[in-house]
Every structure is written in C-alpha cells, then in structure tokens.
Amino acid sequence: MSWIDKLRKTEKQEPDKQYLYFVRQQLKQQVYAVVRVTWYDEDGIYSVTETRVNKRDAEVIEEFSDIVGNALTIGADVSVICVEKSERLDLHDL
C-alpha cells in the first residue's frame, strides 16, 4: 500500500466540515495568489489541485474569486496564500 493510499483511507472528511485556510504573504515574481484545493469523494481525498493566479492577469480578483468560490460551493477544502488582506477579497472572519 502506497503512502497516498494510506492517506486517502485515514483522511475522511465529515460531510458538514469544510475548511478555508488563508494566509497573507508576499510572493515571488508576479504571483498574486496560490490556491490549493482538496477534493473529496465517499472514500476520502480524491484529488489535490494547485493554481497560481498571476498579478499580470487583468481580472485577477475575479479569477481568484471564481476558483475559491467554485471549490467552496462544491464542498472542497481550500488553502490560500495571497498578497492581499482577506477583507479585500470579501473573506471576512478569517
């Protein structure tokens, strides 16, 4: 059994718990945010995706909001490192 199989079997998420982790931090180059999404199915962790949002994108906040909003709506856990304050992105109570 590989380490990922062990992780999938032990990391079952309760249906009513969902996590959003946010940290403000300066990032290198032209990176605005890095968003990591953990997707679940009935057996536990299904997939982990990571997306970099660049500052040069014209609609940077809209792109960020789409990624985070869609993941949270579907029920995934979301971890974010971003150069902005959470309040600026309408993520209050963080």
PDB file of N, CA and C in Angstrom:
ATOM      1  N   MET A   1       0.851  -1.177   0.000  1.00  0.00           N
ATOM      2  CA  MET A   1       0.000   0.000   0.000  1.00  0.00           C
ATOM      3  C   MET A   1       0.897   1.241   0.000  1.00  0.00           C
ATOM      4  N   SER A   2       0.658   2.148  -0.921  1.00  0.00           N
ATOM      5  CA  SER A   2       1.473   3.361  -1.010  1.00  0.00           C
ATOM      6  C   SER A   2       1.050   4.370   0.051  1.00  0.00           C
ATOM      7  N   TRP A   3       1.869   5.392   0.250  1.00  0.00           N
ATOM      8  CA  TRP A   3       1.569   6.414   1.249  1.00  0.00           C
ATOM      9  C   TRP A   3       0.296   7.177   0.896  1.00  0.00           C
ATOM     10  N   ILE A   4       0.027   7.355  -0.388  1.00  0.00           N
ATOM     11  CA  ILE A   4      -1.186   8.086  -0.775  1.00  0.00           C
ATOM     12  C   ILE A   4      -2.433   7.257  -0.479  1.00  0.00           C
ATOM     13  N   ASP A   5      -2.349   5.937  -0.633  1.00  0.00           N
ATOM     14  CA  ASP A   5      -3.481   5.078  -0.285  1.00  0.00           C
ATOM     15  C   ASP A   5      -3.772   5.154   1.213  1.00  0.00           C
ATOM     16  N   LYS A   6      -2.721   5.151   2.010  1.00  0.00           N
ATOM     17  CA  LYS A   6      -2.896   5.265   3.467  1.00  0.00           C
ATOM     18  C   LYS A   6      -3.525   6.601   3.822  1.00  0.00           C
ATOM     19  N   LEU A   7      -3.061   7.660   3.182  1.00  0.00           N
ATOM     20  CA  LEU A   7      -3.607   8.985   3.436  1.00  0.00           C
ATOM     21  C   LEU A   7      -5.082   9.047   3.058  1.00  0.00           C
ATOM     22  N   ARG A   8      -5.434   8.495   1.921  1.00  0.00           N
ATOM     23  CA  ARG A   8      -6.827   8.521   1.472  1.00  0.00           C
ATOM     24  C   ARG A   8      -7.737   7.768   2.432  1.00  0.00           C
ATOM     25  N   LYS A   9      -7.256   6.690   3.007  1.00  0.00           N
ATOM     26  CA  LYS A   9      -8.088   5.891   3.903  1.00  0.00           C
ATOM     27  C   LYS A   9      -8.251   6.539   5.273  1.00  0.00           C
ATOM     28  N   THR A  10      -7.279   7.341   5.700  1.00  0.00           N
ATOM     29  CA  THR A  10      -7.347   7.941   7.034  1.00  0.00           C
ATOM     30  C   THR A  10      -7.924   9.349   7.023  1.00  0.00           C
ATOM     31  N   GLU A  11      -7.976   9.990   5.881  1.00  0.00           N
ATOM     32  CA  GLU A  11      -8.411  11.372   5.815  1.00  0.00           C
ATOM     33  C   GLU A  11      -9.841  11.499   5.293  1.00  0.00           C
ATOM     34  N   LYS A  12     -10.775  10.885   5.962  1.00  0.00           N
ATOM     35  CA  LYS A  12     -12.167  11.046   5.552  1.00  0.00           C
ATOM     36  C   LYS A  12     -12.719  12.311   6.178  1.00  0.00           C
ATOM     37  N   GLN A  13     -13.357  13.098   5.375  1.00  0.00           N
ATOM     38  CA  GLN A  13     -13.902  14.357   5.845  1.00  0.00           C
ATOM     39  C   GLN A  13     -15.347  14.164   6.259  1.00  0.00           C
ATOM     40  N   GLU A  14     -15.676  14.746   7.398  1.00  0.00           N
ATOM     41  CA  GLU A  14     -17.071  14.723   7.820  1.00  0.00           C
ATOM     42  C   GLU A  14     -17.864  15.597   6.852  1.00  0.00           C
ATOM     43  N   PRO A  15     -19.079  15.178   6.485  1.00  0.00           N
ATOM     44  CA  PRO A  15     -19.836  15.913   5.467  1.00  0.00           C
ATOM     45  C   PRO A  15     -20.129  17.359   5.833  1.00  0.00           C
ATOM     46  N   ASP A  16     -20.228  17.676   7.116  1.00  0.00           N
ATOM     47  CA  ASP A  16     -20.584  19.035   7.495  1.00  0.00           C
ATOM     48  C   ASP A  16     -19.368  19.907   7.787  1.00  0.00           C
ATOM     49  N   LYS A  17     -18.162  19.387   7.653  1.00  0.00           N
ATOM     50  CA  LYS A  17     -16.960  20.178   7.896  1.00  0.00           C
ATOM     51  C   LYS A  17     -16.283  20.521   6.583  1.00  0.00           C
ATOM     52  N   GLN A  18     -15.950  21.793   6.480  1.00  0.00           N
ATOM     53  CA  GLN A  18     -15.253  22.268   5.302  1.00  0.00           C
ATOM     54  C   GLN A  18     -14.258  23.317   5.783  1.00  0.00           C
ATOM     55  N   TYR A  19     -13.077  23.337   5.187  1.00  0.00           N
ATOM     56  CA  TYR A  19     -12.031  24.223   5.660  1.00  0.00           C
ATOM     57  C   TYR A  19     -11.618  25.227   4.597  1.00  0.00           C
ATOM     58  N   LEU A  20     -11.415  26.470   5.066  1.00  0.00           N
ATOM     59  CA  LEU A  20     -10.820  27.515   4.242  1.00  0.00           C
ATOM     60  C   LEU A  20      -9.671  28.092   5.054  1.00  0.00           C
ATOM     61  N   TYR A  21      -8.459  27.882   4.572  1.00  0.00           N
ATOM     62  CA  TYR A  21      -7.259  28.383   5.240  1.00  0.00           C
ATOM     63  C   TYR A  21      -6.713  29.520   4.394  1.00  0.00           C
ATOM     64  N   PHE A  22      -6.445  30.672   5.025  1.00  0.00           N
ATOM     65  CA  PHE A  22      -5.966  31.838   4.300  1.00  0.00           C
ATOM     66  C   PHE A  22      -4.794  32.443   5.050  1.00  0.00           C
ATOM     67  N   VAL A  23      -3.725  32.740   4.327  1.00  0.00           N
ATOM     68  CA  VAL A  23      -2.586  33.441   4.912  1.00  0.00           C
ATOM     69  C   VAL A  23      -2.127  34.520   3.942  1.00  0.00           C
ATOM     70  N   ARG A  24      -1.844  35.685   4.499  1.00  0.00           N
ATOM     71  CA  ARG A  24      -1.317  36.781   3.682  1.00  0.00           C
ATOM     72  C   ARG A  24       0.201  36.711   3.744  1.00  0.00           C
ATOM     73  N   GLN A  25       0.812  36.748   2.557  1.00  0.00           N
ATOM     74  CA  GLN A  25       2.267  36.631   2.489  1.00  0.00           C
ATOM     75  C   GLN A  25       2.742  37.195   1.159  1.00  0.00           C
ATOM     76  N   GLN A  26       3.891  37.816   1.152  1.00  0.00           N
ATOM     77  CA  GLN A  26       4.483  38.272  -0.100  1.00  0.00           C
ATOM     78  C   GLN A  26       4.937  37.062  -0.896  1.00  0.00           C
ATOM     79  N   LEU A  27       4.699  37.106  -2.192  1.00  0.00           N
ATOM     80  CA  LEU A  27       5.065  36.003  -3.076  1.00  0.00           C
ATOM     81  C   LEU A  27       6.073  36.483  -4.112  1.00  0.00           C
ATOM     82  N   LYS A  28       6.822  35.573  -4.659  1.00  0.00           N
ATOM     83  CA  LYS A  28       7.859  35.913  -5.630  1.00  0.00           C
ATOM     84  C   LYS A  28       7.262  36.268  -6.991  1.00  0.00           C
ATOM     85  N   GLN A  29       8.045  37.013  -7.723  1.00  0.00           N
ATOM     86  CA  GLN A  29       7.748  37.391  -9.098  1.00  0.00           C
ATOM     87  C   GLN A  29       6.401  38.089  -9.190  1.00  0.00           C
ATOM     88  N   GLN A  30       5.602  37.721 -10.153  1.00  0.00           N
ATOM     89  CA  GLN A  30       4.310  38.371 -10.388  1.00  0.00           C
ATOM     90  C   GLN A  30       3.145  37.515  -9.901  1.00  0.00           C
ATOM     91  N   VAL A  31       3.345  36.760  -8.836  1.00  0.00           N
ATOM     92  CA  VAL A  31       2.304  35.872  -8.328  1.00  0.00           C
ATOM     93  C   VAL A  31       1.410  36.633  -7.353  1.00  0.00           C
ATOM     94  N   TYR A  32       0.120  36.582  -7.595  1.00  0.00           N
ATOM     95  CA  TYR A  32      -0.883  37.223  -6.737  1.00  0.00           C
ATOM     96  C   TYR A  32      -1.329  36.274  -5.634  1.00  0.00           C
ATOM     97  N   ALA A  33      -1.558  35.019  -5.997  1.00  0.00           N
ATOM     98  CA  ALA A  33      -2.029  34.034  -5.019  1.00  0.00           C
ATOM     99  C   ALA A  33      -1.722  32.630  -5.512  1.00  0.00           C
ATOM    100  N   VAL A  34      -1.643  31.717  -4.550  1.00  0.00           N
ATOM    101  CA  VAL A  34      -1.577  30.292  -4.850  1.00  0.00           C
ATOM    102  C   VAL A  34      -2.746  29.656  -4.110  1.00  0.00           C
ATOM    103  N   VAL A  35      -3.581  28.936  -4.835  1.00  0.00           N
ATOM    104  CA  VAL A  35      -4.780  28.323  -4.267  1.00  0.00           C
ATOM    105  C   VAL A  35      -4.659  26.807  -4.405  1.00  0.00           C
ATOM    106  N   ARG A  36      -4.715  26.124  -3.267  1.00  0.00           N
ATOM    107  CA  ARG A  36      -4.679  24.659  -3.265  1.00  0.00           C
ATOM    108  C   ARG A  36      -6.053  24.159  -2.833  1.00  0.00           C
ATOM    109  N   VAL A  37      -6.619  23.277  -3.633  1.00  0.00           N
ATOM    110  CA  VAL A  37      -7.959  22.752  -3.377  1.00  0.00           C
ATOM    111  C   VAL A  37      -7.865  21.249  -3.163  1.00  0.00           C
ATOM    112  N   THR A  38      -8.469  20.772  -2.076  1.00  0.00           N
ATOM    113  CA  THR A  38      -8.519  19.350  -1.785  1.00  0.00           C
ATOM    114  C   THR A  38      -9.939  18.871  -2.053  1.00  0.00           C
ATOM    115  N   TRP A  39     -10.064  17.953  -3.006  1.00  0.00           N
ATOM    116  CA  TRP A  39     -11.356  17.413  -3.421  1.00  0.00           C
ATOM    117  C   TRP A  39     -11.582  16.070  -2.733  1.00  0.00           C
ATOM    118  N   TYR A  40     -12.816  15.801  -2.355  1.00  0.00           N
ATOM    119  CA  TYR A  40     -13.166  14.565  -1.657  1.00  0.00           C
ATOM    120  C   TYR A  40     -14.235  13.790  -2.400  1.00  0.00           C
ATOM    121  N   ASP A  41     -14.208  12.479  -2.232  1.00  0.00           N
ATOM    122  CA  ASP A  41     -15.314  11.634  -2.642  1.00  0.00           C
ATOM    123  C   ASP A  41     -15.697  10.794  -1.433  1.00  0.00           C
ATOM    124  N   GLU A  42     -16.526   9.791  -1.612  1.00  0.00           N
ATOM    125  CA  GLU A  42     -17.014   8.993  -0.482  1.00  0.00           C
ATOM    126  C   GLU A  42     -15.909   8.208   0.228  1.00  0.00           C
ATOM    127  N   ASP A  43     -14.748   8.035  -0.421  1.00  0.00           N
ATOM    128  CA  ASP A  43     -13.638   7.293   0.176  1.00  0.00           C
ATOM    129  C   ASP A  43     -12.597   8.189   0.836  1.00  0.00           C
ATOM    130  N   GLY A  44     -12.745   9.470   0.728  1.00  0.00           N
ATOM    131  CA  GLY A  44     -11.763  10.393   1.310  1.00  0.00           C
ATOM    132  C   GLY A  44     -11.211  11.334   0.253  1.00  0.00           C
ATOM    133  N   ILE A  45      -9.917  11.627   0.351  1.00  0.00           N
ATOM    134  CA  ILE A  45      -9.287  12.546  -0.595  1.00  0.00           C
ATOM    135  C   ILE A  45      -9.300  11.934  -1.991  1.00  0.00           C
ATOM    136  N   TYR A  46      -9.815  12.714  -2.926  1.00  0.00           N
ATOM    137  CA  TYR A  46      -9.893  12.268  -4.314  1.00  0.00           C
ATOM    138  C   TYR A  46      -8.760  12.883  -5.136  1.00  0.00           C
ATOM    139  N   SER A  47      -8.529  14.188  -4.918  1.00  0.00           N
ATOM    140  CA  SER A  47      -7.544  14.900  -5.723  1.00  0.00           C
ATOM    141  C   SER A  47      -7.142  16.183  -5.013  1.00  0.00           C
ATOM    142  N   VAL A  48      -5.936  16.645  -5.299  1.00  0.00           N
ATOM    143  CA  VAL A  48      -5.469  17.941  -4.822  1.00  0.00           C
ATOM    144  C   VAL A  48      -4.982  18.716  -6.040  1.00  0.00           C
ATOM    145  N   THR A  49      -5.504  19.933  -6.204  1.00  0.00           N
ATOM    146  CA  THR A  49      -5.086  20.772  -7.315  1.00  0.00           C
ATOM    147  C   THR A  49      -4.489  22.063  -6.771  1.00  0.00           C
ATOM    148  N   GLU A  50      -3.573  22.621  -7.518  1.00  0.00           N
ATOM    149  CA  GLU A  50      -2.955  23.878  -7.109  1.00  0.00           C
ATOM    150  C   GLU A  50      -2.951  24.813  -8.303  1.00  0.00           C
ATOM    151  N   THR A  51      -3.389  26.047  -8.067  1.00  0.00           N
ATOM    152  CA  THR A  51      -3.486  27.033  -9.139  1.00  0.00           C
ATOM    153  C   THR A  51      -2.752  28.298  -8.726  1.00  0.00           C
ATOM    154  N   ARG A  52      -1.951  28.823  -9.629  1.00  0.00           N
ATOM    155  CA  ARG A  52      -1.264  30.096  -9.392  1.00  0.00           C
ATOM    156  C   ARG A  52      -2.029  31.183 -10.137  1.00  0.00           C
ATOM    157  N   VAL A  53      -2.344  32.251  -9.426  1.00  0.00           N
ATOM    158  CA  VAL A  53      -3.013  33.403 -10.031  1.00  0.00           C
ATOM    159  C   VAL A  53      -1.964  34.506 -10.148  1.00  0.00           C
ATOM    160  N   ASN A  54      -1.719  34.966 -11.358  1.00  0.00           N
ATOM    161  CA  ASN A  54      -0.671  35.956 -11.603  1.00  0.00           C
ATOM    162  C   ASN A  54      -1.196  37.381 -11.508  1.00  0.00           C
ATOM    163  N   LYS A  55      -0.339  38.296 -11.071  1.00  0.00           N
ATOM    164  CA  LYS A  55      -0.709  39.711 -10.954  1.00  0.00           C
ATOM    165  C   LYS A  55      -0.968  40.354 -12.304  1.00  0.00           C
ATOM    166  N   ARG A  56      -0.354  39.844 -13.338  1.00  0.00           N
ATOM    167  CA  ARG A  56      -0.496  40.470 -14.652  1.00  0.00           C
ATOM    168  C   ARG A  56      -1.852  40.198 -15.302  1.00  0.00           C
ATOM    169  N   ASP A  57      -2.619  39.264 -14.745  1.00  0.00           N
ATOM    170  CA  ASP A  57      -3.941  38.988 -15.281  1.00  0.00           C
ATOM    171  C   ASP A  57      -4.853  40.191 -15.017  1.00  0.00           C
ATOM    172  N   ALA A  58      -5.577  40.626 -16.027  1.00  0.00           N
ATOM    173  CA  ALA A  58      -6.406  41.819 -15.917  1.00  0.00           C
ATOM    174  C   ALA A  58      -7.499  41.672 -14.866  1.00  0.00           C
ATOM    175  N   GLU A  59      -8.081  40.517 -14.788  1.00  0.00           N
ATOM    176  CA  GLU A  59      -9.194  40.272 -13.871  1.00  0.00           C
ATOM    177  C   GLU A  59      -8.742  39.401 -12.705  1.00  0.00           C
ATOM    178  N   VAL A  60      -7.666  39.796 -12.045  1.00  0.00           N
ATOM    179  CA  VAL A  60      -7.036  38.945 -11.040  1.00  0.00           C
ATOM    180  C   VAL A  60      -7.974  38.599  -9.879  1.00  0.00           C
ATOM    181  N   ILE A  61      -8.714  39.552  -9.363  1.00  0.00           N
ATOM    182  CA  ILE A  61      -9.602  39.278  -8.232  1.00  0.00           C
ATOM    183  C   ILE A  61     -10.789  38.426  -8.677  1.00  0.00           C
ATOM    184  N   GLU A  62     -11.294  38.663  -9.870  1.00  0.00           N
ATOM    185  CA  GLU A  62     -12.392  37.844 -10.395  1.00  0.00           C
ATOM    186  C   GLU A  62     -11.943  36.397 -10.595  1.00  0.00           C
ATOM    187  N   GLU A  63     -10.743  36.207 -11.129  1.00  0.00           N
ATOM    188  CA  GLU A  63     -10.211  34.857 -11.318  1.00  0.00           C
ATOM    189  C   GLU A  63     -10.050  34.153  -9.973  1.00  0.00           C
ATOM    190  N   PHE A  64      -9.486  34.870  -9.011  1.00  0.00           N
ATOM    191  CA  PHE A  64      -9.303  34.319  -7.669  1.00  0.00           C
ATOM    192  C   PHE A  64     -10.649  33.922  -7.064  1.00  0.00           C
ATOM    193  N   SER A  65     -11.620  34.813  -7.147  1.00  0.00           N
ATOM    194  CA  SER A  65     -12.949  34.560  -6.587  1.00  0.00           C
ATOM    195  C   SER A  65     -13.638  33.373  -7.242  1.00  0.00           C
ATOM    196  N   ASP A  66     -13.487  33.231  -8.542  1.00  0.00           N
ATOM    197  CA  ASP A  66     -14.078  32.091  -9.250  1.00  0.00           C
ATOM    198  C   ASP A  66     -13.492  30.773  -8.754  1.00  0.00           C
ATOM    199  N   ILE A  67     -12.178  30.711  -8.638  1.00  0.00           N
ATOM    200  CA  ILE A  67     -11.522  29.477  -8.198  1.00  0.00           C
ATOM    201  C   ILE A  67     -11.965  29.106  -6.789  1.00  0.00           C
ATOM    202  N   VAL A  68     -11.846  30.052  -5.872  1.00  0.00           N
ATOM    203  CA  VAL A  68     -12.175  29.784  -4.461  1.00  0.00           C
ATOM    204  C   VAL A  68     -13.675  29.556  -4.293  1.00  0.00           C
ATOM    205  N   GLY A  69     -14.480  30.400  -4.890  1.00  0.00           N
ATOM    206  CA  GLY A  69     -15.935  30.287  -4.755  1.00  0.00           C
ATOM    207  C   GLY A  69     -16.475  28.975  -5.283  1.00  0.00           C
ATOM    208  N   ASN A  70     -16.028  28.563  -6.458  1.00  0.00           N
ATOM    209  CA  ASN A  70     -16.498  27.301  -7.036  1.00  0.00           C
ATOM    210  C   ASN A  70     -16.085  26.111  -6.180  1.00  0.00           C
ATOM    211  N   ALA A  71     -14.847  26.107  -5.707  1.00  0.00           N
ATOM    212  CA  ALA A  71     -14.374  24.999  -4.876  1.00  0.00           C
ATOM    213  C   ALA A  71     -15.175  24.899  -3.578  1.00  0.00           C
ATOM    214  N   LEU A  72     -15.429  26.040  -2.949  1.00  0.00           N
ATOM    215  CA  LEU A  72     -16.194  26.026  -1.695  1.00  0.00           C
ATOM    216  C   LEU A  72     -17.649  25.617  -1.942  1.00  0.00           C
ATOM    217  N   THR A  73     -18.225  26.055  -3.037  1.00  0.00           N
ATOM    218  CA  THR A  73     -19.604  25.697  -3.357  1.00  0.00           C
ATOM    219  C   THR A  73     -19.754  24.191  -3.549  1.00  0.00           C
ATOM    220  N   ILE A  74     -18.756  23.571  -4.165  1.00  0.00           N
ATOM    221  CA  ILE A  74     -18.800  22.135  -4.427  1.00  0.00           C
ATOM    222  C   ILE A  74     -18.490  21.320  -3.171  1.00  0.00           C
ATOM    223  N   GLY A  75     -17.858  21.940  -2.169  1.00  0.00           N
ATOM    224  CA  GLY A  75     -17.591  21.245  -0.918  1.00  0.00           C
ATOM    225  C   GLY A  75     -16.142  20.884  -0.674  1.00  0.00           C
ATOM    226  N   ALA A  76     -15.229  21.437  -1.449  1.00  0.00           N
ATOM    227  CA  ALA A  76     -13.809  21.144  -1.274  1.00  0.00           C
ATOM    228  C   ALA A  76     -13.218  22.001  -0.161  1.00  0.00           C
ATOM    229  N   ASP A  77     -12.070  21.570   0.360  1.00  0.00           N
ATOM    230  CA  ASP A  77     -11.284  22.385   1.273  1.00  0.00           C
ATOM    231  C   ASP A  77     -10.370  23.262   0.442  1.00  0.00           C
ATOM    232  N   VAL A  78     -10.126  24.494   0.922  1.00  0.00           N
ATOM    233  CA  VAL A  78      -9.329  25.442   0.157  1.00  0.00           C
ATOM    234  C   VAL A  78      -8.253  26.051   1.055  1.00  0.00           C
ATOM    235  N   SER A  79      -7.022  26.085   0.550  1.00  0.00           N
ATOM    236  CA  SER A  79      -5.908  26.749   1.227  1.00  0.00           C
ATOM    237  C   SER A  79      -5.376  27.822   0.298  1.00  0.00           C
ATOM    238  N   VAL A  80      -5.159  29.029   0.839  1.00  0.00           N
ATOM    239  CA  VAL A  80      -4.771  30.162   0.011  1.00  0.00           C
ATOM    240  C   VAL A  80      -3.571  30.877   0.624  1.00  0.00           C
ATOM    241  N   ILE A  81      -2.607  31.209  -0.210  1.00  0.00           N
ATOM    242  CA  ILE A  81      -1.554  32.163   0.124  1.00  0.00           C
ATOM    243  C   ILE A  81      -1.744  33.307  -0.853  1.00  0.00           C
ATOM    244  N   CYS A  82      -1.887  34.531  -0.321  1.00  0.00           N
ATOM    245  CA  CYS A  82      -2.214  35.666  -1.184  1.00  0.00           C
ATOM    246  C   CYS A  82      -1.509  36.925  -0.690  1.00  0.00           C
ATOM    247  N   VAL A  83      -1.255  37.853  -1.599  1.00  0.00           N
ATOM    248  CA  VAL A  83      -0.610  39.109  -1.230  1.00  0.00           C
ATOM    249  C   VAL A  83      -1.597  40.119  -0.642  1.00  0.00           C
ATOM    250  N   GLU A  84      -2.893  39.890  -0.818  1.00  0.00           N
ATOM    251  CA  GLU A  84      -3.929  40.797  -0.310  1.00  0.00           C
ATOM    252  C   GLU A  84      -4.400  40.390   1.076  1.00  0.00           C
ATOM    253  N   LYS A  85      -5.012  41.323   1.778  1.00  0.00           N
ATOM    254  CA  LYS A  85      -5.694  41.010   3.029  1.00  0.00           C
ATOM    255  C   LYS A  85      -6.988  40.271   2.696  1.00  0.00           C
ATOM    256  N   SER A  86      -7.412  39.384   3.576  1.00  0.00           N
ATOM    257  CA  SER A  86      -8.627  38.608   3.328  1.00  0.00           C
ATOM    258  C   SER A  86      -9.857  39.502   3.186  1.00  0.00           C
ATOM    259  N   GLU A  87      -9.894  40.609   3.921  1.00  0.00           N
ATOM    260  CA  GLU A  87     -11.040  41.528   3.853  1.00  0.00           C
ATOM    261  C   GLU A  87     -11.198  42.133   2.461  1.00  0.00           C
ATOM    262  N   ARG A  88     -10.093  42.395   1.784  1.00  0.00           N
ATOM    263  CA  ARG A  88     -10.120  42.981   0.445  1.00  0.00           C
ATOM    264  C   ARG A  88     -10.785  42.025  -0.555  1.00  0.00           C
ATOM    265  N   LEU A  89     -10.748  40.738  -0.231  1.00  0.00           N
ATOM    266  CA  LEU A  89     -11.320  39.728  -1.112  1.00  0.00           C
ATOM    267  C   LEU A  89     -12.683  39.247  -0.633  1.00  0.00           C
ATOM    268  N   ASP A  90     -13.278  39.996   0.291  1.00  0.00           N
ATOM    269  CA  ASP A  90     -14.578  39.640   0.874  1.00  0.00           C
ATOM    270  C   ASP A  90     -14.532  38.305   1.612  1.00  0.00           C
ATOM    271  N   LEU A  91     -13.388  37.973   2.191  1.00  0.00           N
ATOM    272  CA  LEU A  91     -13.258  36.792   3.033  1.00  0.00           C
ATOM    273  C   LEU A  91     -13.134  37.284   4.481  1.00  0.00           C
ATOM    274  N   HIS A  92     -14.243  37.639   5.048  1.00  0.00           N
ATOM    275  CA  HIS A  92     -14.277  38.153   6.415  1.00  0.00           C
ATOM    276  C   HIS A  92     -14.241  37.003   7.400  1.00  0.00           C
ATOM    277  N   ASP A  93     -13.977  37.310   8.653  1.00  0.00           N
ATOM    278  CA  ASP A  93     -13.939  36.324   9.749  1.00  0.00           C
ATOM    279  C   ASP A  93     -12.808  35.332   9.580  1.00  0.00           C
ATOM    280  N   LEU A  94     -11.728  35.701   8.917  1.00  0.00           N
ATOM    281  CA  LEU A  94     -10.568  34.813   8.794  1.00  0.00           C
ATOM    282  C   LEU A  94      -9.464  35.314   9.685  1.00  0.00           C
TER     283      LEU A  94
END
